[in-house]
PDB file of N, CA and C in Angstrom:
ATOM      1  N   MET A   1      -2.157  37.676   0.986  1.00  0.00           N
ATOM      2  CA  MET A   1      -2.425  36.283   2.158  1.00  0.00           C
ATOM      3  C   MET A   1      -2.950  34.812   0.837  1.00  0.00           C
ATOM      4  N   SER A   2      -2.062  34.316   2.168  1.00  0.00           N
ATOM      5  CA  SER A   2      -1.986  32.635   1.250  1.00  0.00           C
ATOM      6  C   SER A   2      -3.394  31.648   1.459  1.00  0.00           C
ATOM      7  N   ALA A   3      -3.603  31.055   0.428  1.00  0.00           N
ATOM      8  CA  ALA A   3      -4.267  29.957   0.742  1.00  0.00           C
ATOM      9  C   ALA A   3      -3.995  28.876   1.473  1.00  0.00           C
ATOM     10  N   PRO A   4      -4.732  28.980   2.097  1.00  0.00           N
ATOM     11  CA  PRO A   4      -4.068  27.007   3.196  1.00  0.00           C
ATOM     12  C   PRO A   4      -3.511  26.211   2.625  1.00  0.00           C
ATOM     13  N   VAL A   5      -2.822  25.526   3.012  1.00  0.00           N
ATOM     14  CA  VAL A   5      -2.596  24.363   2.250  1.00  0.00           C
ATOM     15  C   VAL A   5      -3.537  23.495   2.770  1.00  0.00           C
ATOM     16  N   ALA A   6      -3.856  22.660   2.079  1.00  0.00           N
ATOM     17  CA  ALA A   6      -4.352  21.208   2.643  1.00  0.00           C
ATOM     18  C   ALA A   6      -3.478  20.261   2.977  1.00  0.00           C
ATOM     19  N   ALA A   7      -4.267  19.255   3.921  1.00  0.00           N
ATOM     20  CA  ALA A   7      -3.269  18.336   4.864  1.00  0.00           C
ATOM     21  C   ALA A   7      -4.041  17.293   3.793  1.00  0.00           C
ATOM     22  N   VAL A   8      -2.697  16.327   3.699  1.00  0.00           N
ATOM     23  CA  VAL A   8      -2.845  15.160   2.979  1.00  0.00           C
ATOM     24  C   VAL A   8      -3.227  13.996   4.180  1.00  0.00           C
ATOM     25  N   THR A   9      -3.681  13.316   3.669  1.00  0.00           N
ATOM     26  CA  THR A   9      -4.275  12.279   4.596  1.00  0.00           C
ATOM     27  C   THR A   9      -4.132  11.411   4.347  1.00  0.00           C
ATOM     28  N   PRO A  10      -3.065  10.209   5.490  1.00  0.00           N
ATOM     29  CA  PRO A  10      -2.387   9.052   4.198  1.00  0.00           C
ATOM     30  C   PRO A  10      -3.568   8.177   4.433  1.00  0.00           C
ATOM     31  N   ILE A  11      -3.216   7.232   3.962  1.00  0.00           N
ATOM     32  CA  ILE A  11      -4.200   5.831   3.576  1.00  0.00           C
ATOM     33  C   ILE A  11      -4.308   5.388   4.906  1.00  0.00           C
ATOM     34  N   PRO A  12      -5.021   4.901   5.473  1.00  0.00           N
ATOM     35  CA  PRO A  12      -5.125   4.081   6.604  1.00  0.00           C
ATOM     36  C   PRO A  12      -4.277   3.061   6.452  1.00  0.00           C
ATOM     37  N   ALA A  13      -3.892   2.349   7.010  1.00  0.00           N
ATOM     38  CA  ALA A  13      -3.351   0.874   6.866  1.00  0.00           C
ATOM     39  C   ALA A  13      -3.890  -0.165   7.739  1.00  0.00           C
ATOM     40  N   ASN A  14      -4.235  -1.629   6.780  1.00  0.00           N
ATOM     41  CA  ASN A  14      -4.739  -2.814   7.071  1.00  0.00           C
ATOM     42  C   ASN A  14      -5.979  -1.913   7.240  1.00  0.00           C
ATOM     43  N   ALA A  15      -6.415  -1.374   6.291  1.00  0.00           N
ATOM     44  CA  ALA A  15      -8.063  -1.246   6.583  1.00  0.00           C
ATOM     45  C   ALA A  15      -8.551  -1.333   5.036  1.00  0.00           C
ATOM     46  N   GLU A  16      -8.003  -2.490   4.316  1.00  0.00           N
ATOM     47  CA  GLU A  16      -8.682  -2.757   3.645  1.00  0.00           C
ATOM     48  C   GLU A  16      -8.149  -4.785   3.500  1.00  0.00           C
ATOM     49  N   ASN A  17      -8.829  -5.299   2.591  1.00  0.00           N
ATOM     50  CA  ASN A  17      -8.412  -6.619   2.706  1.00  0.00           C
ATOM     51  C   ASN A  17      -7.500  -7.045   1.137  1.00  0.00           C
ATOM     52  N   ARG A  18      -7.980  -6.217  -0.071  1.00  0.00           N
ATOM     53  CA  ARG A  18      -7.736  -5.895  -0.868  1.00  0.00           C
ATOM     54  C   ARG A  18      -7.181  -4.946  -1.336  1.00  0.00           C
ATOM     55  N   TYR A  19      -5.586  -4.333  -2.588  1.00  0.00           N
ATOM     56  CA  TYR A  19      -5.661  -3.281  -3.024  1.00  0.00           C
ATOM     57  C   TYR A  19      -5.264  -3.558  -4.182  1.00  0.00           C
ATOM     58  N   GLU A  20      -5.587  -2.401  -5.324  1.00  0.00           N
ATOM     59  CA  GLU A  20      -5.201  -2.693  -6.548  1.00  0.00           C
ATOM     60  C   GLU A  20      -3.708  -1.721  -6.475  1.00  0.00           C
ATOM     61  N   VAL A  21      -2.692  -2.342  -7.452  1.00  0.00           N
ATOM     62  CA  VAL A  21      -1.525  -1.467  -7.562  1.00  0.00           C
ATOM     63  C   VAL A  21      -1.262  -1.339  -8.768  1.00  0.00           C
ATOM     64  N   THR A  22      -0.450  -0.711  -9.111  1.00  0.00           N
ATOM     65  CA  THR A  22       0.419  -0.464 -10.505  1.00  0.00           C
ATOM     66  C   THR A  22       2.226  -0.624 -10.585  1.00  0.00           C
ATOM     67  N   ARG A  23       2.431  -1.080 -11.325  1.00  0.00           N
ATOM     68  CA  ARG A  23       4.477  -0.571 -11.704  1.00  0.00           C
ATOM     69  C   ARG A  23       4.670   0.374 -11.142  1.00  0.00           C
ATOM     70  N   ALA A  24       4.201   1.371 -10.821  1.00  0.00           N
ATOM     71  CA  ALA A  24       4.506   2.885 -10.169  1.00  0.00           C
ATOM     72  C   ALA A  24       4.655   2.511  -8.875  1.00  0.00           C
ATOM     73  N   ASP A  25       4.190   1.355  -8.245  1.00  0.00           N
ATOM     74  CA  ASP A  25       3.914   1.633  -7.004  1.00  0.00           C
ATOM     75  C   ASP A  25       5.280   0.336  -6.124  1.00  0.00           C
ATOM     76  N   LEU A  26       5.919  -0.140  -7.579  1.00  0.00           N
ATOM     77  CA  LEU A  26       6.591  -1.133  -7.276  1.00  0.00           C
ATOM     78  C   LEU A  26       8.040  -0.454  -6.695  1.00  0.00           C
ATOM     79  N   PRO A  27       9.255  -1.036  -5.741  1.00  0.00           N
ATOM     80  CA  PRO A  27       9.097  -2.281  -4.898  1.00  0.00           C
ATOM     81  C   PRO A  27       8.112  -2.424  -3.927  1.00  0.00           C
ATOM     82  N   LEU A  28       6.991  -3.545  -4.243  1.00  0.00           N
ATOM     83  CA  LEU A  28       6.010  -3.410  -3.245  1.00  0.00           C
ATOM     84  C   LEU A  28       5.903  -3.751  -2.035  1.00  0.00           C
ATOM     85  N   SER A  29       5.527  -2.698  -0.514  1.00  0.00           N
ATOM     86  CA  SER A  29       6.059  -3.280   0.084  1.00  0.00           C
ATOM     87  C   SER A  29       4.586  -3.160   1.090  1.00  0.00           C
ATOM     88  N   CYS A  30       4.357  -3.855   2.243  1.00  0.00           N
ATOM     89  CA  CYS A  30       3.331  -3.641   3.129  1.00  0.00           C
ATOM     90  C   CYS A  30       3.742  -3.463   4.514  1.00  0.00           C
ATOM     91  N   PRO A  31       3.174  -2.041   5.473  1.00  0.00           N
ATOM     92  CA  PRO A  31       2.295  -0.934   4.472  1.00  0.00           C
ATOM     93  C   PRO A  31       3.625  -0.116   3.518  1.00  0.00           C
ATOM     94  N   MET A  32       2.227   0.055   2.534  1.00  0.00           N
ATOM     95  CA  MET A  32       2.738   0.722   1.045  1.00  0.00           C
ATOM     96  C   MET A  32       3.063   2.280   1.859  1.00  0.00           C
ATOM     97  N   PRO A  33       4.178   2.983   1.098  1.00  0.00           N
ATOM     98  CA  PRO A  33       4.238   4.205   1.086  1.00  0.00           C
ATOM     99  C   PRO A  33       2.950   5.330   1.197  1.00  0.00           C
ATOM    100  N   GLY A  34       2.663   6.032   2.237  1.00  0.00           N
ATOM    101  CA  GLY A  34       1.376   6.986   2.004  1.00  0.00           C
ATOM    102  C   GLY A  34       0.711   6.686   2.949  1.00  0.00           C
ATOM    103  N   MET A  35       0.584   5.431   3.564  1.00  0.00           N
ATOM    104  CA  MET A  35      -0.029   4.911   4.366  1.00  0.00           C
ATOM    105  C   MET A  35       0.409   5.327   5.721  1.00  0.00           C
ATOM    106  N   ALA A  36      -1.323   4.962   7.153  1.00  0.00           N
ATOM    107  CA  ALA A  36      -0.063   5.549   8.334  1.00  0.00           C
ATOM    108  C   ALA A  36       0.395   4.401   9.299  1.00  0.00           C
ATOM    109  N   LEU A  37       1.430   4.334   9.527  1.00  0.00           N
ATOM    110  CA  LEU A  37       2.189   3.091  10.413  1.00  0.00           C
ATOM    111  C   LEU A  37       2.017   3.333  11.318  1.00  0.00           C
ATOM    112  N   TRP A  38       1.615   4.429  12.211  1.00  0.00           N
ATOM    113  CA  TRP A  38       1.977   4.210  13.332  1.00  0.00           C
ATOM    114  C   TRP A  38       0.713   3.042  14.413  1.00  0.00           C
ATOM    115  N   ASN A  39      -0.288   2.623  13.351  1.00  0.00           N
ATOM    116  CA  ASN A  39      -1.013   1.361  14.099  1.00  0.00           C
ATOM    117  C   ASN A  39      -0.928  -0.106  13.316  1.00  0.00           C
ATOM    118  N   SER A  40       0.268  -0.139  12.110  1.00  0.00           N
ATOM    119  CA  SER A  40       0.746  -1.393  11.839  1.00  0.00           C
ATOM    120  C   SER A  40       1.929  -2.114  11.854  1.00  0.00           C
ATOM    121  N   HIS A  41       1.635  -2.585  11.090  1.00  0.00           N
ATOM    122  CA  HIS A  41       3.158  -3.986  11.420  1.00  0.00           C
ATOM    123  C   HIS A  41       4.114  -3.443  10.905  1.00  0.00           C
ATOM    124  N   PRO A  42       5.481  -4.394  11.293  1.00  0.00           N
ATOM    125  CA  PRO A  42       6.593  -3.964  10.197  1.00  0.00           C
ATOM    126  C   PRO A  42       6.715  -3.829   8.868  1.00  0.00           C
ATOM    127  N   LYS A  43       7.117  -2.961   8.038  1.00  0.00           N
ATOM    128  CA  LYS A  43       7.257  -3.237   6.731  1.00  0.00           C
ATOM    129  C   LYS A  43       7.686  -4.438   6.494  1.00  0.00           C
ATOM    130  N   VAL A  44       7.202  -5.093   5.153  1.00  0.00           N
ATOM    131  CA  VAL A  44       7.689  -5.984   4.804  1.00  0.00           C
ATOM    132  C   VAL A  44       7.429  -6.242   3.462  1.00  0.00           C
ATOM    133  N   TYR A  45       8.531  -6.441   2.412  1.00  0.00           N
ATOM    134  CA  TYR A  45       8.396  -6.065   1.214  1.00  0.00           C
ATOM    135  C   TYR A  45       7.807  -7.348   0.548  1.00  0.00           C
ATOM    136  N   LEU A  46       6.980  -7.721  -0.795  1.00  0.00           N
ATOM    137  CA  LEU A  46       6.194  -8.388  -1.307  1.00  0.00           C
ATOM    138  C   LEU A  46       6.736  -8.649  -2.361  1.00  0.00           C
ATOM    139  N   PRO A  47       6.643 -10.067  -3.216  1.00  0.00           N
ATOM    140  CA  PRO A  47       6.794 -10.349  -4.312  1.00  0.00           C
ATOM    141  C   PRO A  47       5.759 -10.459  -5.146  1.00  0.00           C
ATOM    142  N   ILE A  48       5.757  -9.545  -6.628  1.00  0.00           N
ATOM    143  CA  ILE A  48       4.367  -9.941  -7.493  1.00  0.00           C
ATOM    144  C   ILE A  48       4.903  -9.242  -8.465  1.00  0.00           C
ATOM    145  N   VAL A  49       4.448 -10.592  -9.765  1.00  0.00           N
ATOM    146  CA  VAL A  49       5.071 -10.349 -10.942  1.00  0.00           C
ATOM    147  C   VAL A  49       3.605 -10.591 -11.830  1.00  0.00           C
ATOM    148  N   ASP A  50       4.239 -10.370 -13.320  1.00  0.00           N
ATOM    149  CA  ASP A  50       3.318  -9.599 -14.455  1.00  0.00           C
ATOM    150  C   ASP A  50       2.179  -8.703 -13.928  1.00  0.00           C
ATOM    151  N   ASP A  51       1.333  -8.834 -14.978  1.00  0.00           N
ATOM    152  CA  ASP A  51       0.298  -8.498 -14.983  1.00  0.00           C
ATOM    153  C   ASP A  51      -0.713  -8.961 -14.461  1.00  0.00           C
ATOM    154  N   GLY A  52      -1.695  -8.698 -13.492  1.00  0.00           N
ATOM    155  CA  GLY A  52      -2.809  -9.851 -12.727  1.00  0.00           C
ATOM    156  C   GLY A  52      -2.185 -10.571 -11.377  1.00  0.00           C
ATOM    157  N   GLY A  53      -0.705 -10.663 -11.288  1.00  0.00           N
ATOM    158  CA  GLY A  53       0.134 -11.263 -10.276  1.00  0.00           C
ATOM    159  C   GLY A  53      -0.610 -10.505  -9.394  1.00  0.00           C
ATOM    160  N   GLU A  54      -0.390 -11.220  -7.903  1.00  0.00           N
ATOM    161  CA  GLU A  54      -0.857 -11.358  -6.212  1.00  0.00           C
ATOM    162  C   GLU A  54      -0.082 -11.249  -5.468  1.00  0.00           C
ATOM    163  N   SER A  55       0.495 -10.772  -4.631  1.00  0.00           N
ATOM    164  CA  SER A  55       1.085 -10.975  -3.515  1.00  0.00           C
ATOM    165  C   SER A  55       0.174 -11.030  -1.748  1.00  0.00           C
ATOM    166  N   VAL A  56       0.006 -11.554  -0.850  1.00  0.00           N
ATOM    167  CA  VAL A  56      -0.509 -11.043   0.110  1.00  0.00           C
ATOM    168  C   VAL A  56       0.401 -11.033   1.672  1.00  0.00           C
ATOM    169  N   CYS A  57      -0.014 -10.329   2.611  1.00  0.00           N
ATOM    170  CA  CYS A  57       1.063  -9.881   2.996  1.00  0.00           C
ATOM    171  C   CYS A  57       0.775 -11.056   4.291  1.00  0.00           C
ATOM    172  N   PRO A  58       2.151 -11.286   5.210  1.00  0.00           N
ATOM    173  CA  PRO A  58       2.040 -12.429   6.082  1.00  0.00           C
ATOM    174  C   PRO A  58       1.726 -12.277   7.288  1.00  0.00           C
ATOM    175  N   TYR A  59       1.947 -10.740   7.418  1.00  0.00           N
ATOM    176  CA  TYR A  59       0.944 -10.155   8.640  1.00  0.00           C
ATOM    177  C   TYR A  59      -0.521  -9.823   8.657  1.00  0.00           C
ATOM    178  N   CYS A  60      -0.313  -9.430   8.265  1.00  0.00           N
ATOM    179  CA  CYS A  60      -1.905  -8.733   8.091  1.00  0.00           C
ATOM    180  C   CYS A  60      -2.635  -9.287   6.898  1.00  0.00           C
ATOM    181  N   GLY A  61      -2.543 -10.062   6.222  1.00  0.00           N
ATOM    182  CA  GLY A  61      -3.638 -10.581   5.068  1.00  0.00           C
ATOM    183  C   GLY A  61      -3.863 -10.114   3.916  1.00  0.00           C
ATOM    184  N   ALA A  62      -3.403  -8.737   4.154  1.00  0.00           N
ATOM    185  CA  ALA A  62      -4.271  -7.673   3.115  1.00  0.00           C
ATOM    186  C   ALA A  62      -3.137  -8.255   1.217  1.00  0.00           C
ATOM    187  N   ARG A  63      -4.073  -8.948   0.563  1.00  0.00           N
ATOM    188  CA  ARG A  63      -3.822  -9.088  -0.500  1.00  0.00           C
ATOM    189  C   ARG A  63      -4.034  -7.453  -1.708  1.00  0.00           C
ATOM    190  N   TYR A  64      -2.897  -7.859  -2.624  1.00  0.00           N
ATOM    191  CA  TYR A  64      -2.362  -6.678  -3.466  1.00  0.00           C
ATOM    192  C   TYR A  64      -2.191  -7.334  -4.892  1.00  0.00           C
ATOM    193  N   VAL A  65      -3.081  -6.769  -5.747  1.00  0.00           N
ATOM    194  CA  VAL A  65      -2.771  -7.338  -7.138  1.00  0.00           C
ATOM    195  C   VAL A  65      -2.380  -6.131  -7.353  1.00  0.00           C
ATOM    196  N   LEU A  66      -1.717  -6.730  -9.340  1.00  0.00           N
ATOM    197  CA  LEU A  66      -0.546  -5.640 -10.160  1.00  0.00           C
ATOM    198  C   LEU A  66      -1.622  -5.548 -11.516  1.00  0.00           C
ATOM    199  N   ARG A  67      -2.205  -4.440 -10.989  1.00  0.00           N
ATOM    200  CA  ARG A  67      -2.790  -3.874 -12.717  1.00  0.00           C
ATOM    201  C   ARG A  67      -2.271  -2.887 -13.103  1.00  0.00           C
ATOM    202  N   ASP A  68      -2.220  -2.915 -14.847  1.00  0.00           N
ATOM    203  CA  ASP A  68      -1.817  -1.818 -15.590  1.00  0.00           C
ATOM    204  C   ASP A  68      -1.873  -1.052 -16.232  1.00  0.00           C
TER     205      ASP A  68
END
């Protein structure tokens, strides 16, 4: 008998005002992969540069901060 597979819970889209991202998350989009999309806005790609760079989603106002 095998062990039950754990369900993966997606990150709620538009649930926070600030997200810290790393270079592994680039190219940056809002909503990000792994976020629940059913209640979100259209996917948009956001420009973000250098460590400490920031970008704001024009749809939901979420602020993304690049941290390495």
